[in-house]
Structure formats: structure tokens, C-alpha cells
Amino acid sequence: MTDTTPDRGREAALFLQLVLGLQQAAMVALGKLMNPMTSKLDRNLEAARNTIDTLAAIEARTRGNLESDEQRVLTQVLTDLRLNYLDEVKKG
């Protein structure tokens, strides 16, 4: 018989992995991290904005359902990405 009870620790780790993976993708799109496919710094502000909006949607849809550490990481990632995005927009 299989246990179908969700493992909260595993779910939390997977959630944080998702958030941090999206953060990394946004940082690549902002040209802040090297693109692993091209080994270059590429900038795609539209892709970065879409990724930031995706994280904001995740935040809105999970509000009230996250553990405090999950919420803290998500909030910090969004704040960091938004500031980096504004920095890149100002550069033109």
C-alpha cells in the first residue's frame, strides 16, 4: 500500500526549488547571469518581466497557504528581481 500523504518537507523543498529556478531564469533574462545555453550575457526584458509576473501570480495564488520561510523567500526573490528589473530598464 502506498502512502499518498504529502510530505510537507519535500513539498517545501520543491516549492523553493521552483521559486529559485524562476529567479535564476529571470536573472539570466536580465543579463545578470550568464546564459547557460549560449555562455553569454543576454538581456531579454520581456522574458524577465514575464517571469517576474509569474512569480507574482504564484505569490497571489498561494497567499495564506505558505509556511513563513516559504513566504519570506518568495517575497525576497520578488523584491530582488523587481529592483534588478528597474535597474535594467533605467539603463535603456
N, C-alpha and C. Protein backbone atom coordinates (compact mmCIF):
# COMPACT_ATOMS: atom_id res chain seq x y z
N MET A 1 0.84 -1.19 0.00
CA MET A 1 0.00 0.00 0.00
C MET A 1 0.89 1.24 0.00
N THR A 2 0.57 2.18 -0.86
CA THR A 2 1.37 3.40 -0.95
C THR A 2 0.78 4.50 -0.08
N ASP A 3 1.68 5.27 0.51
CA ASP A 3 1.27 6.40 1.32
C ASP A 3 1.08 7.61 0.42
N THR A 4 -0.14 8.12 0.35
CA THR A 4 -0.43 9.27 -0.51
C THR A 4 -0.44 10.58 0.28
N THR A 5 -0.08 10.52 1.57
CA THR A 5 0.00 11.73 2.37
C THR A 5 1.18 12.56 1.90
N PRO A 6 0.93 13.82 1.56
CA PRO A 6 2.04 14.64 1.08
C PRO A 6 3.10 14.84 2.16
N ASP A 7 4.34 14.77 1.76
CA ASP A 7 5.45 15.03 2.66
C ASP A 7 5.70 16.53 2.64
N ARG A 8 5.35 17.22 3.73
CA ARG A 8 5.43 18.69 3.79
C ARG A 8 6.85 19.20 3.55
N GLY A 9 7.83 18.47 4.08
CA GLY A 9 9.22 18.88 3.88
C GLY A 9 9.62 18.80 2.42
N ARG A 10 9.21 17.74 1.76
CA ARG A 10 9.53 17.57 0.34
C ARG A 10 8.79 18.62 -0.49
N GLU A 11 7.52 18.86 -0.15
CA GLU A 11 6.76 19.90 -0.87
C GLU A 11 7.41 21.27 -0.71
N ALA A 12 7.86 21.59 0.50
CA ALA A 12 8.51 22.87 0.74
C ALA A 12 9.79 22.99 -0.07
N ALA A 13 10.57 21.92 -0.11
CA ALA A 13 11.82 21.92 -0.87
C ALA A 13 11.53 22.09 -2.36
N LEU A 14 10.52 21.41 -2.87
CA LEU A 14 10.16 21.53 -4.28
C LEU A 14 9.65 22.93 -4.61
N PHE A 15 8.87 23.50 -3.70
CA PHE A 15 8.37 24.86 -3.90
C PHE A 15 9.52 25.84 -3.97
N LEU A 16 10.45 25.74 -3.03
CA LEU A 16 11.60 26.64 -3.02
C LEU A 16 12.47 26.43 -4.25
N GLN A 17 12.60 25.19 -4.69
CA GLN A 17 13.35 24.89 -5.92
C GLN A 17 12.70 25.58 -7.12
N LEU A 18 11.38 25.55 -7.18
CA LEU A 18 10.64 26.23 -8.26
C LEU A 18 10.89 27.74 -8.23
N VAL A 19 10.75 28.33 -7.05
CA VAL A 19 10.93 29.78 -6.91
C VAL A 19 12.35 30.17 -7.29
N LEU A 20 13.34 29.45 -6.78
CA LEU A 20 14.73 29.79 -7.06
C LEU A 20 15.09 29.52 -8.52
N GLY A 21 14.49 28.52 -9.14
CA GLY A 21 14.70 28.26 -10.56
C GLY A 21 14.16 29.39 -11.41
N LEU A 22 12.99 29.89 -11.04
CA LEU A 22 12.41 31.03 -11.77
C LEU A 22 13.24 32.29 -11.53
N GLN A 23 13.77 32.44 -10.32
CA GLN A 23 14.63 33.57 -10.05
C GLN A 23 15.87 33.54 -10.95
N GLN A 24 16.46 32.37 -11.05
CA GLN A 24 17.65 32.23 -11.89
C GLN A 24 17.32 32.53 -13.36
N ALA A 25 16.19 32.04 -13.83
CA ALA A 25 15.78 32.31 -15.21
C ALA A 25 15.60 33.81 -15.44
N ALA A 26 15.01 34.49 -14.47
CA ALA A 26 14.81 35.93 -14.60
C ALA A 26 16.14 36.67 -14.59
N MET A 27 17.07 36.24 -13.75
CA MET A 27 18.38 36.88 -13.69
C MET A 27 19.16 36.68 -14.99
N VAL A 28 18.98 35.53 -15.61
CA VAL A 28 19.59 35.30 -16.93
C VAL A 28 18.96 36.25 -17.94
N ALA A 29 17.64 36.37 -17.92
CA ALA A 29 16.93 37.25 -18.85
C ALA A 29 17.29 38.72 -18.62
N LEU A 30 17.63 39.08 -17.40
CA LEU A 30 18.04 40.44 -17.10
C LEU A 30 19.50 40.70 -17.48
N GLY A 31 20.20 39.65 -17.89
CA GLY A 31 21.61 39.81 -18.24
C GLY A 31 22.52 39.88 -17.03
N LYS A 32 22.01 39.44 -15.88
CA LYS A 32 22.79 39.47 -14.63
C LYS A 32 23.57 38.17 -14.43
N LEU A 33 23.11 37.11 -15.05
CA LEU A 33 23.79 35.81 -15.00
C LEU A 33 24.03 35.34 -16.43
N MET A 34 25.08 34.57 -16.60
CA MET A 34 25.40 34.04 -17.93
C MET A 34 24.35 33.03 -18.37
N ASN A 35 23.95 33.14 -19.62
CA ASN A 35 23.01 32.18 -20.20
C ASN A 35 23.75 30.85 -20.37
N PRO A 36 23.29 29.79 -19.71
CA PRO A 36 24.00 28.51 -19.80
C PRO A 36 23.97 27.88 -21.20
N MET A 37 23.04 28.30 -22.03
CA MET A 37 22.94 27.75 -23.39
C MET A 37 23.92 28.43 -24.34
N THR A 38 24.15 29.73 -24.14
CA THR A 38 24.99 30.48 -25.07
C THR A 38 26.35 30.87 -24.47
N SER A 39 26.49 30.68 -23.16
CA SER A 39 27.69 31.12 -22.43
C SER A 39 27.95 32.62 -22.61
N LYS A 40 26.87 33.38 -22.76
CA LYS A 40 26.95 34.83 -22.92
C LYS A 40 25.97 35.49 -21.96
N LEU A 41 26.19 36.78 -21.74
CA LEU A 41 25.21 37.57 -21.01
C LEU A 41 24.22 38.12 -22.02
N ASP A 42 23.02 37.61 -21.99
CA ASP A 42 21.95 38.05 -22.89
C ASP A 42 20.92 38.80 -22.07
N ARG A 43 20.27 39.77 -22.68
CA ARG A 43 19.24 40.52 -21.97
C ARG A 43 17.95 40.46 -22.76
N ASN A 44 16.89 40.05 -22.08
CA ASN A 44 15.56 39.98 -22.68
C ASN A 44 14.58 40.46 -21.61
N LEU A 45 14.32 41.77 -21.62
CA LEU A 45 13.49 42.35 -20.56
C LEU A 45 12.06 41.84 -20.58
N GLU A 46 11.55 41.51 -21.75
CA GLU A 46 10.19 40.96 -21.83
C GLU A 46 10.11 39.60 -21.13
N ALA A 47 11.10 38.76 -21.37
CA ALA A 47 11.13 37.45 -20.71
C ALA A 47 11.29 37.62 -19.21
N ALA A 48 12.14 38.57 -18.81
CA ALA A 48 12.33 38.82 -17.38
C ALA A 48 11.02 39.28 -16.74
N ARG A 49 10.33 40.20 -17.41
CA ARG A 49 9.06 40.71 -16.89
C ARG A 49 8.02 39.58 -16.76
N ASN A 50 7.97 38.71 -17.76
CA ASN A 50 7.04 37.57 -17.70
C ASN A 50 7.35 36.65 -16.54
N THR A 51 8.62 36.42 -16.29
CA THR A 51 9.00 35.55 -15.18
C THR A 51 8.66 36.20 -13.84
N ILE A 52 8.91 37.50 -13.72
CA ILE A 52 8.56 38.23 -12.50
C ILE A 52 7.05 38.20 -12.30
N ASP A 53 6.30 38.39 -13.37
CA ASP A 53 4.83 38.32 -13.28
C ASP A 53 4.36 36.93 -12.88
N THR A 54 5.05 35.90 -13.36
CA THR A 54 4.71 34.52 -12.98
C THR A 54 4.90 34.33 -11.49
N LEU A 55 6.03 34.80 -10.96
CA LEU A 55 6.28 34.69 -9.52
C LEU A 55 5.25 35.50 -8.72
N ALA A 56 4.86 36.66 -9.23
CA ALA A 56 3.84 37.47 -8.55
C ALA A 56 2.50 36.73 -8.54
N ALA A 57 2.18 36.04 -9.63
CA ALA A 57 0.94 35.25 -9.69
C ALA A 57 1.00 34.10 -8.69
N ILE A 58 2.15 33.45 -8.59
CA ILE A 58 2.32 32.38 -7.61
C ILE A 58 2.12 32.93 -6.21
N GLU A 59 2.68 34.11 -5.95
CA GLU A 59 2.52 34.73 -4.63
C GLU A 59 1.04 35.00 -4.34
N ALA A 60 0.33 35.56 -5.31
CA ALA A 60 -1.08 35.88 -5.12
C ALA A 60 -1.92 34.62 -4.92
N ARG A 61 -1.63 33.57 -5.69
CA ARG A 61 -2.43 32.34 -5.63
C ARG A 61 -2.14 31.49 -4.40
N THR A 62 -0.96 31.69 -3.79
CA THR A 62 -0.60 30.88 -2.62
C THR A 62 -0.72 31.65 -1.31
N ARG A 63 -1.15 32.91 -1.40
CA ARG A 63 -1.26 33.75 -0.21
C ARG A 63 -2.06 33.05 0.89
N GLY A 64 -1.48 33.00 2.06
CA GLY A 64 -2.15 32.37 3.21
C GLY A 64 -1.92 30.87 3.29
N ASN A 65 -1.26 30.29 2.31
CA ASN A 65 -1.04 28.84 2.29
C ASN A 65 0.43 28.45 2.42
N LEU A 66 1.31 29.43 2.56
CA LEU A 66 2.73 29.13 2.63
C LEU A 66 3.22 29.17 4.08
N GLU A 67 4.26 28.39 4.34
CA GLU A 67 4.94 28.49 5.62
C GLU A 67 5.68 29.82 5.63
N SER A 68 6.03 30.32 6.80
CA SER A 68 6.65 31.64 6.90
C SER A 68 7.97 31.72 6.14
N ASP A 69 8.77 30.65 6.16
CA ASP A 69 10.04 30.69 5.44
C ASP A 69 9.82 30.68 3.92
N GLU A 70 8.81 29.97 3.46
CA GLU A 70 8.48 29.96 2.03
C GLU A 70 8.04 31.35 1.58
N GLN A 71 7.19 31.98 2.38
CA GLN A 71 6.70 33.33 2.06
C GLN A 71 7.84 34.32 2.07
N ARG A 72 8.73 34.20 3.04
CA ARG A 72 9.88 35.11 3.15
C ARG A 72 10.78 35.01 1.92
N VAL A 73 11.08 33.78 1.49
CA VAL A 73 11.93 33.59 0.31
C VAL A 73 11.24 34.15 -0.93
N LEU A 74 9.97 33.85 -1.12
CA LEU A 74 9.24 34.32 -2.28
C LEU A 74 9.20 35.85 -2.31
N THR A 75 8.94 36.47 -1.18
CA THR A 75 8.89 37.93 -1.10
C THR A 75 10.26 38.53 -1.41
N GLN A 76 11.31 37.94 -0.85
CA GLN A 76 12.66 38.45 -1.09
C GLN A 76 13.06 38.30 -2.55
N VAL A 77 12.73 37.17 -3.15
CA VAL A 77 13.05 36.94 -4.57
C VAL A 77 12.33 37.97 -5.44
N LEU A 78 11.07 38.19 -5.17
CA LEU A 78 10.31 39.17 -5.96
C LEU A 78 10.87 40.58 -5.80
N THR A 79 11.19 40.96 -4.58
CA THR A 79 11.76 42.29 -4.33
C THR A 79 13.07 42.45 -5.08
N ASP A 80 13.95 41.47 -4.97
CA ASP A 80 15.25 41.50 -5.63
C ASP A 80 15.10 41.59 -7.15
N LEU A 81 14.21 40.78 -7.70
CA LEU A 81 14.01 40.79 -9.15
C LEU A 81 13.42 42.10 -9.64
N ARG A 82 12.47 42.62 -8.90
CA ARG A 82 11.85 43.89 -9.30
C ARG A 82 12.89 45.03 -9.29
N LEU A 83 13.75 45.06 -8.28
CA LEU A 83 14.79 46.09 -8.22
C LEU A 83 15.78 45.93 -9.37
N ASN A 84 16.18 44.70 -9.66
CA ASN A 84 17.09 44.46 -10.77
C ASN A 84 16.45 44.80 -12.10
N TYR A 85 15.16 44.50 -12.25
CA TYR A 85 14.44 44.84 -13.47
C TYR A 85 14.43 46.36 -13.68
N LEU A 86 14.08 47.10 -12.62
CA LEU A 86 14.07 48.56 -12.73
C LEU A 86 15.45 49.10 -13.08
N ASP A 87 16.48 48.53 -12.51
CA ASP A 87 17.85 48.91 -12.82
C ASP A 87 18.15 48.74 -14.31
N GLU A 88 17.72 47.62 -14.88
CA GLU A 88 17.97 47.35 -16.30
C GLU A 88 17.12 48.26 -17.21
N VAL A 89 15.89 48.53 -16.80
CA VAL A 89 15.03 49.43 -17.58
C VAL A 89 15.64 50.84 -17.63
N LYS A 90 16.18 51.28 -16.50
CA LYS A 90 16.80 52.61 -16.45
C LYS A 90 18.02 52.70 -17.36
N LYS A 91 18.71 51.58 -17.56
CA LYS A 91 19.88 51.57 -18.43
C LYS A 91 19.48 51.76 -19.89
N GLY A 92 18.24 51.41 -20.19
CA GLY A 92 17.73 51.58 -21.56
C GLY A 92 18.02 50.42 -22.46
